[in-house]
Amino acid sequence: MGNINLLAVLVGTAVFWLLGAVWYGPLFGRAWRRMNGINGRMVKDATRTTNPMWLIMLLSFAFEMVVVLMLGHLIARTNPAPHVIMMMATGLAVAVMTPALGINYLYQMRPGKLFAIDAGYFVVGMALVGGAFILLG
């Protein structure tokens, strides 16, 4: 068993999190907010009625780090070749994260386009995380 590459975990998490800023900002932000029923007024008032944005960002980073840390653990335990690291990273997104999201969205009766935006974020994000592990491994 090897040690978890903590630098790769930190960089991978940061890349995943920063992708979210682009994904839910200029790429798909307007459509994502519309399908979730979020308008500008709600965003402005959110700090008074729900969690403040800094807490949302901090917790999303922490949750993504848990996922990336799990991938780091799997990599440390198996010492795989680079192509297998990419298979593991994207496999977690495609075979675990996306189906879990899909089940949740089915029962919430959410739009398929919203599922595609969120699932796409997980798949692309985890592919970037896999790349970080390969580059820093």
N, C-alpha and C. Protein backbone atom coordinates (compact mmCIF):
# COMPACT_ATOMS: atom_id res chain seq x y z
N MET A 1 0.84 -1.18 0.00
CA MET A 1 0.00 0.00 0.00
C MET A 1 0.88 1.24 0.00
N GLY A 2 0.62 2.15 -0.90
CA GLY A 2 1.37 3.40 -0.97
C GLY A 2 0.70 4.50 -0.18
N ASN A 3 1.39 5.60 -0.11
CA ASN A 3 0.83 6.78 0.56
C ASN A 3 -0.02 7.58 -0.42
N ILE A 4 -1.05 8.21 0.09
CA ILE A 4 -1.90 9.05 -0.74
C ILE A 4 -1.11 10.29 -1.13
N ASN A 5 -1.16 10.63 -2.41
CA ASN A 5 -0.49 11.82 -2.92
C ASN A 5 -1.34 13.04 -2.55
N LEU A 6 -1.02 13.65 -1.41
CA LEU A 6 -1.83 14.75 -0.90
C LEU A 6 -1.74 16.00 -1.78
N LEU A 7 -0.60 16.20 -2.44
CA LEU A 7 -0.50 17.33 -3.36
C LEU A 7 -1.47 17.14 -4.53
N ALA A 8 -1.54 15.92 -5.05
CA ALA A 8 -2.48 15.64 -6.14
C ALA A 8 -3.92 15.78 -5.66
N VAL A 9 -4.18 15.39 -4.42
CA VAL A 9 -5.53 15.55 -3.86
C VAL A 9 -5.89 17.03 -3.80
N LEU A 10 -4.99 17.85 -3.29
CA LEU A 10 -5.26 19.29 -3.17
C LEU A 10 -5.41 19.94 -4.54
N VAL A 11 -4.48 19.66 -5.45
CA VAL A 11 -4.55 20.25 -6.79
C VAL A 11 -5.78 19.74 -7.53
N GLY A 12 -6.04 18.44 -7.46
CA GLY A 12 -7.21 17.87 -8.12
C GLY A 12 -8.50 18.48 -7.61
N THR A 13 -8.59 18.66 -6.30
CA THR A 13 -9.78 19.28 -5.71
C THR A 13 -9.92 20.72 -6.19
N ALA A 14 -8.82 21.45 -6.20
CA ALA A 14 -8.86 22.85 -6.65
C ALA A 14 -9.29 22.96 -8.11
N VAL A 15 -8.77 22.06 -8.95
CA VAL A 15 -9.14 22.08 -10.37
C VAL A 15 -10.62 21.74 -10.54
N PHE A 16 -11.08 20.74 -9.81
CA PHE A 16 -12.49 20.33 -9.84
C PHE A 16 -13.38 21.50 -9.42
N TRP A 17 -13.00 22.15 -8.34
CA TRP A 17 -13.77 23.26 -7.79
C TRP A 17 -13.76 24.46 -8.73
N LEU A 18 -12.61 24.77 -9.30
CA LEU A 18 -12.51 25.89 -10.24
C LEU A 18 -13.30 25.62 -11.52
N LEU A 19 -13.32 24.36 -11.95
CA LEU A 19 -14.17 24.01 -13.09
C LEU A 19 -15.61 24.40 -12.80
N GLY A 20 -16.05 24.20 -11.56
CA GLY A 20 -17.41 24.56 -11.18
C GLY A 20 -17.70 26.03 -11.39
N ALA A 21 -16.71 26.89 -11.15
CA ALA A 21 -16.90 28.32 -11.36
C ALA A 21 -17.17 28.63 -12.84
N VAL A 22 -16.49 27.91 -13.72
CA VAL A 22 -16.68 28.11 -15.16
C VAL A 22 -17.95 27.40 -15.62
N TRP A 23 -18.15 26.18 -15.16
CA TRP A 23 -19.28 25.35 -15.58
C TRP A 23 -20.61 26.00 -15.20
N TYR A 24 -20.69 26.43 -13.92
CA TYR A 24 -21.94 27.01 -13.42
C TYR A 24 -21.95 28.52 -13.52
N GLY A 25 -20.94 29.07 -14.18
CA GLY A 25 -20.88 30.49 -14.47
C GLY A 25 -21.16 30.71 -15.94
N PRO A 26 -20.12 31.04 -16.71
CA PRO A 26 -20.35 31.39 -18.12
C PRO A 26 -20.86 30.25 -19.01
N LEU A 27 -20.50 29.00 -18.71
CA LEU A 27 -20.92 27.91 -19.61
C LEU A 27 -22.40 27.58 -19.49
N PHE A 28 -22.84 27.22 -18.29
CA PHE A 28 -24.21 26.73 -18.12
C PHE A 28 -24.97 27.43 -17.00
N GLY A 29 -24.40 28.48 -16.43
CA GLY A 29 -24.99 29.13 -15.27
C GLY A 29 -26.40 29.63 -15.47
N ARG A 30 -26.63 30.31 -16.58
CA ARG A 30 -27.97 30.89 -16.82
C ARG A 30 -29.02 29.78 -16.94
N ALA A 31 -28.73 28.74 -17.73
CA ALA A 31 -29.68 27.64 -17.89
C ALA A 31 -29.87 26.88 -16.58
N TRP A 32 -28.77 26.66 -15.85
CA TRP A 32 -28.84 25.93 -14.58
C TRP A 32 -29.72 26.69 -13.58
N ARG A 33 -29.51 28.00 -13.47
CA ARG A 33 -30.32 28.79 -12.53
C ARG A 33 -31.79 28.79 -12.95
N ARG A 34 -32.05 28.93 -14.24
CA ARG A 34 -33.43 28.94 -14.73
C ARG A 34 -34.13 27.62 -14.39
N MET A 35 -33.47 26.50 -14.66
CA MET A 35 -34.09 25.19 -14.40
C MET A 35 -34.25 24.91 -12.91
N ASN A 36 -33.47 25.59 -12.08
CA ASN A 36 -33.61 25.45 -10.63
C ASN A 36 -34.52 26.51 -10.04
N GLY A 37 -35.04 27.40 -10.87
CA GLY A 37 -35.94 28.45 -10.39
C GLY A 37 -35.23 29.51 -9.57
N ILE A 38 -33.96 29.74 -9.86
CA ILE A 38 -33.18 30.73 -9.12
C ILE A 38 -33.07 32.00 -9.95
N ASN A 39 -33.48 33.11 -9.38
CA ASN A 39 -33.35 34.39 -10.08
C ASN A 39 -32.35 35.29 -9.36
N GLY A 40 -32.04 36.41 -9.97
CA GLY A 40 -31.04 37.33 -9.41
C GLY A 40 -31.40 37.82 -8.02
N ARG A 41 -32.65 38.08 -7.80
CA ARG A 41 -33.10 38.55 -6.48
C ARG A 41 -32.84 37.49 -5.40
N MET A 42 -33.09 36.24 -5.74
CA MET A 42 -32.87 35.15 -4.79
C MET A 42 -31.40 35.03 -4.43
N VAL A 43 -30.53 35.18 -5.43
CA VAL A 43 -29.09 35.11 -5.17
C VAL A 43 -28.67 36.24 -4.25
N LYS A 44 -29.19 37.43 -4.52
CA LYS A 44 -28.85 38.60 -3.70
C LYS A 44 -29.35 38.44 -2.26
N ASP A 45 -30.54 37.88 -2.11
CA ASP A 45 -31.14 37.72 -0.78
C ASP A 45 -30.68 36.46 -0.06
N ALA A 46 -29.95 35.58 -0.74
CA ALA A 46 -29.58 34.28 -0.17
C ALA A 46 -28.79 34.40 1.12
N THR A 47 -27.93 35.38 1.23
CA THR A 47 -27.11 35.49 2.43
C THR A 47 -27.95 35.80 3.67
N ARG A 48 -29.13 36.35 3.46
CA ARG A 48 -30.00 36.65 4.61
C ARG A 48 -30.93 35.49 4.94
N THR A 49 -31.24 34.65 3.96
CA THR A 49 -32.26 33.62 4.18
C THR A 49 -31.71 32.20 4.24
N THR A 50 -30.54 31.96 3.64
CA THR A 50 -29.97 30.61 3.63
C THR A 50 -28.49 30.71 4.00
N ASN A 51 -27.75 29.71 3.63
CA ASN A 51 -26.32 29.73 3.90
C ASN A 51 -25.63 30.82 3.10
N PRO A 52 -24.68 31.50 3.70
CA PRO A 52 -23.92 32.51 2.95
C PRO A 52 -23.08 31.85 1.87
N MET A 53 -22.81 32.60 0.79
CA MET A 53 -22.10 32.05 -0.35
C MET A 53 -20.72 31.51 0.04
N TRP A 54 -20.03 32.16 0.96
CA TRP A 54 -18.70 31.68 1.36
C TRP A 54 -18.80 30.28 1.97
N LEU A 55 -19.88 30.00 2.71
CA LEU A 55 -20.06 28.69 3.32
C LEU A 55 -20.39 27.64 2.26
N ILE A 56 -21.22 28.02 1.30
CA ILE A 56 -21.55 27.11 0.21
C ILE A 56 -20.29 26.72 -0.55
N MET A 57 -19.45 27.71 -0.85
CA MET A 57 -18.21 27.44 -1.59
C MET A 57 -17.25 26.58 -0.77
N LEU A 58 -17.11 26.87 0.50
CA LEU A 58 -16.24 26.10 1.38
C LEU A 58 -16.70 24.65 1.49
N LEU A 59 -17.98 24.45 1.68
CA LEU A 59 -18.51 23.09 1.81
C LEU A 59 -18.44 22.33 0.49
N SER A 60 -18.66 23.02 -0.63
CA SER A 60 -18.54 22.32 -1.91
C SER A 60 -17.09 21.88 -2.14
N PHE A 61 -16.13 22.71 -1.74
CA PHE A 61 -14.72 22.33 -1.84
C PHE A 61 -14.45 21.11 -0.95
N ALA A 62 -14.97 21.14 0.26
CA ALA A 62 -14.76 20.02 1.20
C ALA A 62 -15.38 18.73 0.68
N PHE A 63 -16.60 18.80 0.15
CA PHE A 63 -17.25 17.60 -0.38
C PHE A 63 -16.49 17.05 -1.59
N GLU A 64 -16.03 17.95 -2.46
CA GLU A 64 -15.25 17.49 -3.60
C GLU A 64 -13.93 16.87 -3.15
N MET A 65 -13.35 17.41 -2.07
CA MET A 65 -12.11 16.85 -1.56
C MET A 65 -12.32 15.43 -1.04
N VAL A 66 -13.46 15.15 -0.45
CA VAL A 66 -13.75 13.79 0.01
C VAL A 66 -13.73 12.82 -1.17
N VAL A 67 -14.34 13.22 -2.28
CA VAL A 67 -14.36 12.37 -3.47
C VAL A 67 -12.94 12.18 -4.01
N VAL A 68 -12.19 13.27 -4.11
CA VAL A 68 -10.83 13.20 -4.65
C VAL A 68 -9.92 12.41 -3.71
N LEU A 69 -10.12 12.56 -2.43
CA LEU A 69 -9.34 11.79 -1.45
C LEU A 69 -9.61 10.30 -1.60
N MET A 70 -10.85 9.93 -1.86
CA MET A 70 -11.18 8.52 -2.08
C MET A 70 -10.46 8.00 -3.32
N LEU A 71 -10.45 8.80 -4.39
CA LEU A 71 -9.70 8.40 -5.57
C LEU A 71 -8.22 8.27 -5.25
N GLY A 72 -7.69 9.21 -4.48
CA GLY A 72 -6.28 9.12 -4.08
C GLY A 72 -5.99 7.86 -3.29
N HIS A 73 -6.91 7.47 -2.44
CA HIS A 73 -6.75 6.23 -1.68
C HIS A 73 -6.72 5.02 -2.61
N LEU A 74 -7.64 4.99 -3.57
CA LEU A 74 -7.67 3.87 -4.52
C LEU A 74 -6.37 3.81 -5.33
N ILE A 75 -5.88 4.95 -5.74
CA ILE A 75 -4.63 5.00 -6.50
C ILE A 75 -3.47 4.54 -5.64
N ALA A 76 -3.41 4.99 -4.40
CA ALA A 76 -2.31 4.60 -3.50
C ALA A 76 -2.34 3.09 -3.22
N ARG A 77 -3.53 2.53 -3.11
CA ARG A 77 -3.65 1.09 -2.81
C ARG A 77 -3.28 0.21 -3.99
N THR A 78 -3.49 0.70 -5.22
CA THR A 78 -3.32 -0.16 -6.38
C THR A 78 -2.13 0.19 -7.27
N ASN A 79 -1.60 1.41 -7.15
CA ASN A 79 -0.48 1.87 -7.96
C ASN A 79 -0.71 1.58 -9.45
N PRO A 80 -1.81 2.10 -10.01
CA PRO A 80 -2.17 1.77 -11.39
C PRO A 80 -1.38 2.57 -12.43
N ALA A 81 -1.43 2.08 -13.66
CA ALA A 81 -0.86 2.80 -14.79
C ALA A 81 -1.70 4.07 -15.05
N PRO A 82 -1.13 5.06 -15.73
CA PRO A 82 -1.87 6.31 -15.97
C PRO A 82 -3.24 6.12 -16.64
N HIS A 83 -3.33 5.24 -17.62
CA HIS A 83 -4.63 5.06 -18.27
C HIS A 83 -5.65 4.46 -17.30
N VAL A 84 -5.19 3.68 -16.35
CA VAL A 84 -6.10 3.11 -15.35
C VAL A 84 -6.54 4.19 -14.37
N ILE A 85 -5.65 5.12 -14.05
CA ILE A 85 -6.04 6.25 -13.20
C ILE A 85 -7.19 7.02 -13.85
N MET A 86 -7.09 7.27 -15.15
CA MET A 86 -8.17 7.97 -15.85
C MET A 86 -9.45 7.14 -15.86
N MET A 87 -9.31 5.83 -16.01
CA MET A 87 -10.48 4.96 -15.98
C MET A 87 -11.12 5.00 -14.59
N MET A 88 -10.30 5.00 -13.54
CA MET A 88 -10.83 5.05 -12.18
C MET A 88 -11.53 6.39 -11.92
N ALA A 89 -10.90 7.48 -12.32
CA ALA A 89 -11.45 8.81 -12.06
C ALA A 89 -12.77 9.01 -12.80
N THR A 90 -12.77 8.74 -14.10
CA THR A 90 -14.00 8.93 -14.85
C THR A 90 -15.02 7.84 -14.51
N GLY A 91 -14.55 6.66 -14.16
CA GLY A 91 -15.45 5.59 -13.75
C GLY A 91 -16.22 5.94 -12.49
N LEU A 92 -15.55 6.58 -11.53
CA LEU A 92 -16.26 7.04 -10.33
C LEU A 92 -17.39 8.00 -10.70
N ALA A 93 -17.10 8.89 -11.64
CA ALA A 93 -18.11 9.86 -12.05
C ALA A 93 -19.25 9.19 -12.82
N VAL A 94 -18.89 8.35 -13.79
CA VAL A 94 -19.90 7.75 -14.66
C VAL A 94 -20.70 6.66 -13.95
N ALA A 95 -20.04 5.86 -13.12
CA ALA A 95 -20.70 4.69 -12.54
C ALA A 95 -21.16 4.86 -11.10
N VAL A 96 -20.76 5.94 -10.42
CA VAL A 96 -21.18 6.14 -9.04
C VAL A 96 -21.87 7.50 -8.87
N MET A 97 -21.16 8.58 -9.19
CA MET A 97 -21.69 9.91 -8.94
C MET A 97 -22.90 10.23 -9.81
N THR A 98 -22.80 9.95 -11.11
CA THR A 98 -23.87 10.27 -12.04
C THR A 98 -25.13 9.43 -11.78
N PRO A 99 -25.03 8.12 -11.58
CA PRO A 99 -26.26 7.38 -11.26
C PRO A 99 -26.91 7.83 -9.95
N ALA A 100 -26.10 8.15 -8.94
CA ALA A 100 -26.68 8.63 -7.68
C ALA A 100 -27.44 9.94 -7.91
N LEU A 101 -26.86 10.82 -8.68
CA LEU A 101 -27.52 12.07 -9.04
C LEU A 101 -28.80 11.79 -9.84
N GLY A 102 -28.70 10.86 -10.78
CA GLY A 102 -29.85 10.52 -11.61
C GLY A 102 -31.01 9.98 -10.82
N ILE A 103 -30.74 9.11 -9.87
CA ILE A 103 -31.81 8.57 -9.03
C ILE A 103 -32.49 9.70 -8.26
N ASN A 104 -31.69 10.57 -7.67
CA ASN A 104 -32.22 11.71 -6.94
C ASN A 104 -33.08 12.58 -7.85
N TYR A 105 -32.58 12.89 -9.04
CA TYR A 105 -33.32 13.75 -9.97
C TYR A 105 -34.60 13.10 -10.45
N LEU A 106 -34.62 11.78 -10.63
CA LEU A 106 -35.84 11.10 -11.06
C LEU A 106 -36.96 11.30 -10.04
N TYR A 107 -36.65 11.11 -8.77
CA TYR A 107 -37.67 11.24 -7.75
C TYR A 107 -38.06 12.70 -7.51
N GLN A 108 -37.16 13.61 -7.78
CA GLN A 108 -37.48 15.03 -7.66
C GLN A 108 -38.17 15.58 -8.91
N MET A 109 -38.25 14.71 -9.94
CA MET A 109 -38.87 15.08 -11.22
C MET A 109 -38.20 16.30 -11.84
N ARG A 110 -36.87 16.29 -11.82
CA ARG A 110 -36.06 17.39 -12.36
C ARG A 110 -35.88 17.21 -13.86
N PRO A 111 -35.65 18.29 -14.59
CA PRO A 111 -35.48 18.20 -16.05
C PRO A 111 -34.22 17.42 -16.45
N GLY A 112 -34.33 16.71 -17.56
CA GLY A 112 -33.19 15.96 -18.09
C GLY A 112 -32.02 16.86 -18.44
N LYS A 113 -32.30 18.07 -18.91
CA LYS A 113 -31.22 19.01 -19.25
C LYS A 113 -30.44 19.41 -18.00
N LEU A 114 -31.13 19.55 -16.88
CA LEU A 114 -30.45 19.88 -15.63
C LEU A 114 -29.55 18.72 -15.20
N PHE A 115 -30.06 17.51 -15.34
CA PHE A 115 -29.25 16.33 -15.05
C PHE A 115 -28.01 16.30 -15.93
N ALA A 116 -28.17 16.61 -17.21
CA ALA A 116 -27.03 16.60 -18.14
C ALA A 116 -25.98 17.63 -17.73
N ILE A 117 -26.40 18.80 -17.30
CA ILE A 117 -25.45 19.82 -16.86
C ILE A 117 -24.68 19.33 -15.64
N ASP A 118 -25.39 18.85 -14.64
CA ASP A 118 -24.74 18.43 -13.39
C ASP A 118 -23.91 17.16 -13.58
N ALA A 119 -24.42 16.20 -14.31
CA ALA A 119 -23.66 14.97 -14.55
C ALA A 119 -22.42 15.26 -15.39
N GLY A 120 -22.56 16.13 -16.37
CA GLY A 120 -21.42 16.52 -17.18
C GLY A 120 -20.32 17.15 -16.36
N TYR A 121 -20.72 17.97 -15.38
CA TYR A 121 -19.74 18.59 -14.48
C TYR A 121 -18.95 17.52 -13.73
N PHE A 122 -19.63 16.51 -13.23
CA PHE A 122 -18.94 15.45 -12.50
C PHE A 122 -17.97 14.68 -13.39
N VAL A 123 -18.41 14.35 -14.59
CA VAL A 123 -17.57 13.56 -15.50
C VAL A 123 -16.35 14.36 -15.94
N VAL A 124 -16.55 15.59 -16.39
CA VAL A 124 -15.42 16.42 -16.82
C VAL A 124 -14.51 16.73 -15.63
N GLY A 125 -15.11 17.06 -14.49
CA GLY A 125 -14.32 17.37 -13.30
C GLY A 125 -13.46 16.21 -12.85
N MET A 126 -14.03 15.01 -12.84
CA MET A 126 -13.25 13.86 -12.41
C MET A 126 -12.18 13.49 -13.43
N ALA A 127 -12.43 13.75 -14.71
CA ALA A 127 -11.38 13.53 -15.72
C ALA A 127 -10.21 14.48 -15.45
N LEU A 128 -10.52 15.72 -15.09
CA LEU A 128 -9.45 16.66 -14.75
C LEU A 128 -8.71 16.22 -13.48
N VAL A 129 -9.44 15.70 -12.53
CA VAL A 129 -8.81 15.19 -11.31
C VAL A 129 -7.87 14.04 -11.65
N GLY A 130 -8.32 13.13 -12.51
CA GLY A 130 -7.45 12.04 -12.95
C GLY A 130 -6.18 12.56 -13.59
N GLY A 131 -6.33 13.60 -14.42
CA GLY A 131 -5.17 14.22 -15.04
C GLY A 131 -4.22 14.81 -14.02
N ALA A 132 -4.76 15.41 -12.96
CA ALA A 132 -3.91 15.96 -11.91
C ALA A 132 -3.10 14.86 -11.22
N PHE A 133 -3.74 13.72 -10.96
CA PHE A 133 -3.01 12.60 -10.34
C PHE A 133 -1.92 12.07 -11.26
N ILE A 134 -2.20 12.02 -12.55
CA ILE A 134 -1.18 11.54 -13.49
C ILE A 134 -0.01 12.52 -13.55
N LEU A 135 -0.30 13.81 -13.67
CA LEU A 135 0.77 14.80 -13.78
C LEU A 135 1.60 14.93 -12.52
N LEU A 136 0.96 14.74 -11.37
CA LEU A 136 1.67 14.91 -10.09
C LEU A 136 2.11 13.59 -9.47
N GLY A 137 1.86 12.48 -10.17
CA GLY A 137 2.20 11.17 -9.65
C GLY A 137 3.61 10.82 -9.95
